[in-house]
């Protein structure tokens, strides 16, 4: 899905007809879809990095990655689970 192309095409439509509500709505929708796609890509990358941190039991790294994920999506289930994993790793270190 080429969101950049959709945004560009929507901008052309808005520039041609600035008062057209459909063109403006399409621009907003394509911008939101592009934003969500970017966010999804970031979260996917952060999850991969966090899992690498878990594999080497790097608690602080897991905490940072979980926080970054939750900053993007405060209710992200895997981000919340990573917070719990970081807590468990921290407890294991304390023993």
N, C-alpha and C. Protein backbone atom coordinates (compact mmCIF):
# COMPACT_ATOMS: atom_id res chain seq x y z
N UNK A 1 0.85 -1.18 0.00
CA UNK A 1 0.00 0.00 0.00
C UNK A 1 0.89 1.24 0.00
N UNK A 2 0.70 2.07 -0.98
CA UNK A 2 1.55 3.24 -1.16
C UNK A 2 0.85 4.47 -0.61
N UNK A 3 1.05 4.70 0.67
CA UNK A 3 0.38 5.81 1.34
C UNK A 3 0.94 7.16 0.89
N UNK A 4 2.24 7.22 0.62
CA UNK A 4 2.83 8.47 0.16
C UNK A 4 2.19 8.91 -1.15
N UNK A 5 1.95 7.95 -2.04
CA UNK A 5 1.31 8.25 -3.32
C UNK A 5 -0.12 8.74 -3.10
N UNK A 6 -0.82 8.10 -2.18
CA UNK A 6 -2.20 8.50 -1.88
C UNK A 6 -2.24 9.93 -1.32
N UNK A 7 -1.29 10.25 -0.44
CA UNK A 7 -1.23 11.60 0.12
C UNK A 7 -0.94 12.61 -1.00
N UNK A 8 0.02 12.28 -1.85
CA UNK A 8 0.39 13.18 -2.95
C UNK A 8 -0.80 13.42 -3.89
N UNK A 9 -1.50 12.34 -4.23
CA UNK A 9 -2.66 12.47 -5.11
C UNK A 9 -3.77 13.28 -4.44
N UNK A 10 -3.93 13.10 -3.16
CA UNK A 10 -4.95 13.85 -2.41
C UNK A 10 -4.60 15.33 -2.37
N UNK A 11 -3.31 15.62 -2.21
CA UNK A 11 -2.88 17.02 -2.20
C UNK A 11 -3.16 17.69 -3.54
N UNK A 12 -2.95 16.94 -4.61
CA UNK A 12 -3.25 17.48 -5.95
C UNK A 12 -4.74 17.80 -6.04
N UNK A 13 -5.57 16.89 -5.56
CA UNK A 13 -7.02 17.09 -5.61
C UNK A 13 -7.42 18.31 -4.78
N UNK A 14 -6.83 18.46 -3.60
CA UNK A 14 -7.15 19.61 -2.75
C UNK A 14 -6.67 20.90 -3.39
N UNK A 15 -5.50 20.87 -4.02
CA UNK A 15 -5.00 22.08 -4.70
C UNK A 15 -5.87 22.48 -5.88
N UNK A 16 -6.43 21.47 -6.56
CA UNK A 16 -7.31 21.76 -7.70
C UNK A 16 -8.68 22.24 -7.25
N UNK A 17 -9.13 21.74 -6.12
CA UNK A 17 -10.46 22.09 -5.62
C UNK A 17 -10.40 22.26 -4.10
N UNK A 18 -9.83 23.38 -3.62
CA UNK A 18 -9.62 23.55 -2.18
C UNK A 18 -10.90 23.50 -1.34
N UNK A 19 -12.02 23.82 -1.91
CA UNK A 19 -13.28 23.84 -1.17
C UNK A 19 -14.04 22.52 -1.26
N UNK A 20 -13.49 21.55 -1.98
CA UNK A 20 -14.17 20.28 -2.16
C UNK A 20 -14.04 19.44 -0.89
N UNK A 21 -15.16 19.17 -0.21
CA UNK A 21 -15.09 18.42 1.04
C UNK A 21 -14.59 16.98 0.85
N UNK A 22 -14.89 16.38 -0.29
CA UNK A 22 -14.44 15.01 -0.54
C UNK A 22 -12.92 14.97 -0.70
N UNK A 23 -12.37 15.95 -1.38
CA UNK A 23 -10.91 16.01 -1.57
C UNK A 23 -10.22 16.22 -0.22
N UNK A 24 -10.78 17.09 0.59
CA UNK A 24 -10.20 17.35 1.92
C UNK A 24 -10.31 16.12 2.82
N UNK A 25 -11.43 15.44 2.75
CA UNK A 25 -11.61 14.22 3.56
C UNK A 25 -10.64 13.13 3.10
N UNK A 26 -10.45 13.01 1.81
CA UNK A 26 -9.52 12.02 1.27
C UNK A 26 -8.10 12.33 1.71
N UNK A 27 -7.73 13.59 1.71
CA UNK A 27 -6.40 13.98 2.17
C UNK A 27 -6.20 13.59 3.63
N UNK A 28 -7.18 13.91 4.47
CA UNK A 28 -7.07 13.56 5.89
C UNK A 28 -6.97 12.05 6.09
N UNK A 29 -7.78 11.30 5.35
CA UNK A 29 -7.76 9.84 5.47
C UNK A 29 -6.42 9.26 5.04
N UNK A 30 -5.89 9.76 3.93
CA UNK A 30 -4.62 9.22 3.44
C UNK A 30 -3.47 9.60 4.37
N UNK A 31 -3.51 10.80 4.95
CA UNK A 31 -2.48 11.21 5.91
C UNK A 31 -2.55 10.34 7.17
N UNK A 32 -3.74 10.05 7.63
CA UNK A 32 -3.90 9.21 8.82
C UNK A 32 -3.43 7.78 8.54
N UNK A 33 -3.76 7.26 7.37
CA UNK A 33 -3.32 5.91 7.00
C UNK A 33 -1.80 5.85 6.92
N UNK A 34 -1.19 6.89 6.38
CA UNK A 34 0.28 6.94 6.29
C UNK A 34 0.89 6.98 7.69
N UNK A 35 0.29 7.76 8.58
CA UNK A 35 0.78 7.86 9.96
C UNK A 35 0.68 6.50 10.66
N UNK A 36 -0.45 5.83 10.51
CA UNK A 36 -0.64 4.53 11.14
C UNK A 36 0.33 3.49 10.60
N UNK A 37 0.60 3.55 9.30
CA UNK A 37 1.56 2.63 8.70
C UNK A 37 2.96 2.87 9.24
N UNK A 38 3.34 4.13 9.37
CA UNK A 38 4.65 4.47 9.93
C UNK A 38 4.76 3.97 11.37
N UNK A 39 3.69 4.17 12.13
CA UNK A 39 3.67 3.72 13.53
C UNK A 39 3.80 2.20 13.61
N UNK A 40 3.08 1.51 12.77
CA UNK A 40 3.14 0.04 12.76
C UNK A 40 4.56 -0.43 12.43
N UNK A 41 5.19 0.21 11.47
CA UNK A 41 6.56 -0.14 11.09
C UNK A 41 7.52 0.09 12.25
N UNK A 42 7.35 1.22 12.95
CA UNK A 42 8.21 1.51 14.10
C UNK A 42 8.01 0.47 15.20
N UNK A 43 6.77 0.14 15.49
CA UNK A 43 6.48 -0.82 16.55
C UNK A 43 7.05 -2.19 16.19
N UNK A 44 6.93 -2.60 14.95
CA UNK A 44 7.47 -3.88 14.51
C UNK A 44 8.98 -3.92 14.72
N UNK A 45 9.66 -2.83 14.36
CA UNK A 45 11.11 -2.74 14.55
C UNK A 45 11.48 -2.80 16.03
N UNK A 46 10.74 -2.05 16.84
CA UNK A 46 11.01 -2.02 18.28
C UNK A 46 10.77 -3.38 18.93
N UNK A 47 9.75 -4.09 18.49
CA UNK A 47 9.48 -5.43 19.04
C UNK A 47 10.63 -6.38 18.72
N UNK A 48 11.13 -6.29 17.50
CA UNK A 48 12.25 -7.14 17.12
C UNK A 48 13.47 -6.82 17.98
N UNK A 49 13.74 -5.54 18.17
CA UNK A 49 14.86 -5.13 19.01
C UNK A 49 14.66 -5.57 20.46
N UNK A 50 13.44 -5.42 20.96
CA UNK A 50 13.14 -5.81 22.34
C UNK A 50 13.33 -7.31 22.54
N UNK A 51 12.90 -8.08 21.58
CA UNK A 51 13.06 -9.54 21.70
C UNK A 51 14.53 -9.93 21.70
N UNK A 52 15.35 -9.20 20.96
CA UNK A 52 16.80 -9.45 20.99
C UNK A 52 17.34 -9.12 22.38
N UNK A 53 16.83 -8.07 23.00
CA UNK A 53 17.24 -7.70 24.36
C UNK A 53 16.83 -8.77 25.37
N UNK A 54 15.64 -9.30 25.20
CA UNK A 54 15.16 -10.35 26.10
C UNK A 54 16.07 -11.58 25.98
N UNK A 55 16.44 -11.89 24.75
CA UNK A 55 17.27 -13.08 24.52
C UNK A 55 18.60 -13.03 25.27
N UNK A 56 19.13 -11.82 25.45
CA UNK A 56 20.41 -11.68 26.17
C UNK A 56 20.20 -11.18 27.60
N UNK A 57 18.93 -11.13 28.00
CA UNK A 57 18.54 -10.72 29.36
C UNK A 57 19.06 -9.33 29.73
N UNK A 58 18.92 -8.41 28.76
CA UNK A 58 19.32 -7.01 28.98
C UNK A 58 18.08 -6.24 29.46
N UNK A 59 17.90 -6.21 30.76
CA UNK A 59 16.70 -5.64 31.37
C UNK A 59 16.48 -4.18 30.97
N UNK A 60 17.51 -3.37 31.06
CA UNK A 60 17.33 -1.95 30.75
C UNK A 60 16.95 -1.74 29.29
N UNK A 61 17.52 -2.53 28.42
CA UNK A 61 17.17 -2.44 27.00
C UNK A 61 15.70 -2.81 26.79
N UNK A 62 15.24 -3.87 27.43
CA UNK A 62 13.84 -4.28 27.31
C UNK A 62 12.93 -3.17 27.82
N UNK A 63 13.30 -2.55 28.94
CA UNK A 63 12.50 -1.47 29.51
C UNK A 63 12.40 -0.29 28.54
N UNK A 64 13.52 0.07 27.95
CA UNK A 64 13.54 1.20 27.01
C UNK A 64 12.67 0.90 25.79
N UNK A 65 12.82 -0.28 25.23
CA UNK A 65 12.04 -0.64 24.04
C UNK A 65 10.54 -0.71 24.36
N UNK A 66 10.20 -1.27 25.52
CA UNK A 66 8.79 -1.34 25.93
C UNK A 66 8.22 0.06 26.07
N UNK A 67 8.99 0.96 26.68
CA UNK A 67 8.53 2.34 26.86
C UNK A 67 8.33 3.02 25.51
N UNK A 68 9.25 2.80 24.59
CA UNK A 68 9.12 3.39 23.25
C UNK A 68 7.87 2.89 22.54
N UNK A 69 7.60 1.60 22.67
CA UNK A 69 6.40 1.02 22.05
C UNK A 69 5.16 1.64 22.67
N UNK A 70 5.13 1.71 24.00
CA UNK A 70 3.95 2.24 24.69
C UNK A 70 3.79 3.75 24.47
N UNK A 71 4.87 4.45 24.16
CA UNK A 71 4.74 5.86 23.79
C UNK A 71 4.03 6.02 22.45
N UNK A 72 4.20 5.03 21.59
CA UNK A 72 3.52 5.04 20.29
C UNK A 72 2.09 4.55 20.39
N UNK A 73 1.88 3.57 21.27
CA UNK A 73 0.54 2.98 21.45
C UNK A 73 0.43 2.51 22.90
N UNK A 74 -0.19 3.33 23.73
CA UNK A 74 -0.21 3.09 25.17
C UNK A 74 -0.90 1.79 25.59
N UNK A 75 -1.69 1.20 24.72
CA UNK A 75 -2.37 -0.04 25.08
C UNK A 75 -1.87 -1.23 24.26
N UNK A 76 -0.71 -1.11 23.64
CA UNK A 76 -0.17 -2.19 22.82
C UNK A 76 0.12 -3.41 23.69
N UNK A 77 -0.53 -4.52 23.40
CA UNK A 77 -0.45 -5.71 24.25
C UNK A 77 0.97 -6.25 24.38
N UNK A 78 1.69 -6.30 23.28
CA UNK A 78 3.05 -6.83 23.35
C UNK A 78 3.98 -5.86 24.09
N UNK A 79 3.72 -4.57 23.95
CA UNK A 79 4.50 -3.58 24.70
C UNK A 79 4.26 -3.71 26.20
N UNK A 80 3.02 -3.92 26.57
CA UNK A 80 2.69 -4.13 27.98
C UNK A 80 3.32 -5.43 28.50
N UNK A 81 3.30 -6.46 27.67
CA UNK A 81 3.90 -7.73 28.07
C UNK A 81 5.41 -7.59 28.24
N UNK A 82 6.02 -6.76 27.41
CA UNK A 82 7.47 -6.53 27.54
C UNK A 82 7.80 -5.83 28.85
N UNK A 83 6.92 -4.95 29.29
CA UNK A 83 7.12 -4.29 30.58
C UNK A 83 7.14 -5.34 31.69
N UNK A 84 6.22 -6.28 31.62
CA UNK A 84 6.17 -7.36 32.61
C UNK A 84 7.42 -8.24 32.50
N UNK A 85 7.84 -8.53 31.28
CA UNK A 85 9.06 -9.32 31.08
C UNK A 85 10.27 -8.62 31.69
N UNK A 86 10.35 -7.30 31.49
CA UNK A 86 11.46 -6.53 32.07
C UNK A 86 11.43 -6.62 33.59
N UNK A 87 10.23 -6.55 34.17
CA UNK A 87 10.10 -6.68 35.63
C UNK A 87 10.56 -8.06 36.11
N UNK A 88 10.19 -9.08 35.37
CA UNK A 88 10.61 -10.45 35.73
C UNK A 88 12.13 -10.59 35.65
N UNK A 89 12.72 -10.04 34.59
CA UNK A 89 14.18 -10.09 34.45
C UNK A 89 14.86 -9.35 35.59
N UNK A 90 14.27 -8.23 35.96
CA UNK A 90 14.84 -7.44 37.07
C UNK A 90 14.77 -8.23 38.38
N UNK A 91 13.66 -8.92 38.59
CA UNK A 91 13.51 -9.74 39.80
C UNK A 91 14.52 -10.89 39.81
N UNK A 92 14.75 -11.48 38.63
CA UNK A 92 15.73 -12.57 38.54
C UNK A 92 17.13 -12.06 38.85
N UNK A 93 17.45 -10.84 38.40
CA UNK A 93 18.75 -10.26 38.67
C UNK A 93 18.95 -10.01 40.16
N UNK A 94 17.86 -9.69 40.85
CA UNK A 94 17.93 -9.37 42.27
C UNK A 94 18.18 -10.61 43.13
N UNK A 95 17.87 -11.77 42.58
CA UNK A 95 18.05 -13.00 43.38
C UNK A 95 19.47 -13.44 43.48
